[in-house]
Amino acid sequence: MLKRMILAALATAFVAAFALPVQIAPAAAEGMSCKQAAKAKYADDRKARRAYKKECKTAYKATQKA
């Protein structure tokens, strides 16, 4: 019984890990270009990718001026 419960918990955790969306934070995306970070975050939505890329570039330029 304990073995089944442990295996069920492990299987649930494994499935949940793949079900969660990928979150790309600006700090984590520092090694990537804005285009690559947008592609990683919004793989299927072209309009959202474009908007994210634009925001990313604006934020990058703001940090470079400061």
Protein backbone atom coordinates (compact mmCIF):
# COMPACT_ATOMS: atom_id res chain seq x y z
CA MET A 1 0.00 0.00 0.00
CA LEU A 2 2.80 2.42 0.89
CA LYS A 3 4.61 1.52 -2.31
CA ARG A 4 1.50 2.31 -4.39
CA MET A 5 1.03 5.63 -2.61
CA ILE A 6 4.64 6.64 -3.22
CA LEU A 7 4.44 5.66 -6.89
CA ALA A 8 1.15 7.56 -7.29
CA ALA A 9 2.67 10.67 -5.71
CA LEU A 10 5.74 10.38 -7.92
CA ALA A 11 3.61 9.95 -11.06
CA THR A 12 1.47 12.94 -10.10
CA ALA A 13 4.52 15.12 -9.52
CA PHE A 14 6.01 14.03 -12.83
CA VAL A 15 2.82 14.85 -14.76
CA ALA A 16 2.41 18.18 -12.94
CA ALA A 17 5.96 19.20 -13.80
CA PHE A 18 5.27 18.86 -17.50
CA ALA A 19 1.82 20.44 -17.30
CA LEU A 20 3.07 23.74 -15.86
CA PRO A 21 3.81 26.46 -18.41
CA VAL A 22 7.38 27.59 -18.87
CA GLN A 23 8.05 30.88 -17.10
CA ILE A 24 10.89 32.96 -18.42
CA ALA A 25 11.81 35.78 -16.07
CA PRO A 26 13.87 38.69 -17.38
CA ALA A 27 16.68 37.75 -14.99
CA ALA A 28 16.69 34.17 -16.24
CA ALA A 29 16.62 35.31 -19.85
CA GLU A 30 19.70 37.48 -19.48
CA GLY A 31 21.79 35.19 -21.64
CA MET A 32 19.14 35.15 -24.35
CA SER A 33 18.15 37.80 -26.83
CA CYS A 34 14.67 39.27 -26.57
CA LYS A 35 13.65 37.26 -29.62
CA GLN A 36 14.79 33.97 -28.08
CA ALA A 37 13.13 34.75 -24.75
CA ALA A 38 9.85 35.60 -26.50
CA LYS A 39 10.03 32.37 -28.52
CA ALA A 40 10.61 30.35 -25.34
CA LYS A 41 7.75 31.99 -23.45
CA TYR A 42 5.16 32.18 -26.24
CA ALA A 43 5.95 29.36 -28.65
CA ASP A 44 2.47 29.23 -30.22
CA ASP A 45 1.21 32.83 -30.09
CA ARG A 46 2.85 35.12 -32.63
CA LYS A 47 1.13 38.32 -31.46
CA ALA A 48 2.07 37.73 -27.83
CA ARG A 49 5.65 36.98 -28.92
CA ARG A 50 5.83 40.30 -30.76
CA ALA A 51 4.43 42.23 -27.80
CA TYR A 52 6.81 40.51 -25.37
CA LYS A 53 9.79 41.19 -27.63
CA LYS A 54 8.85 44.88 -27.83
CA GLU A 55 8.49 45.15 -24.03
CA CYS A 56 11.77 43.30 -23.54
CA LYS A 57 13.64 45.66 -25.84
CA THR A 58 12.14 48.69 -24.10
CA ALA A 59 13.13 47.34 -20.69
CA TYR A 60 16.63 46.52 -21.92
CA LYS A 61 17.14 50.00 -23.34
CA ALA A 62 15.88 51.57 -20.10
CA THR A 63 18.41 49.59 -18.06
CA GLN A 64 21.23 50.57 -20.41
CA LYS A 65 20.52 54.30 -20.01
CA ALA A 66 20.40 54.12 -16.21
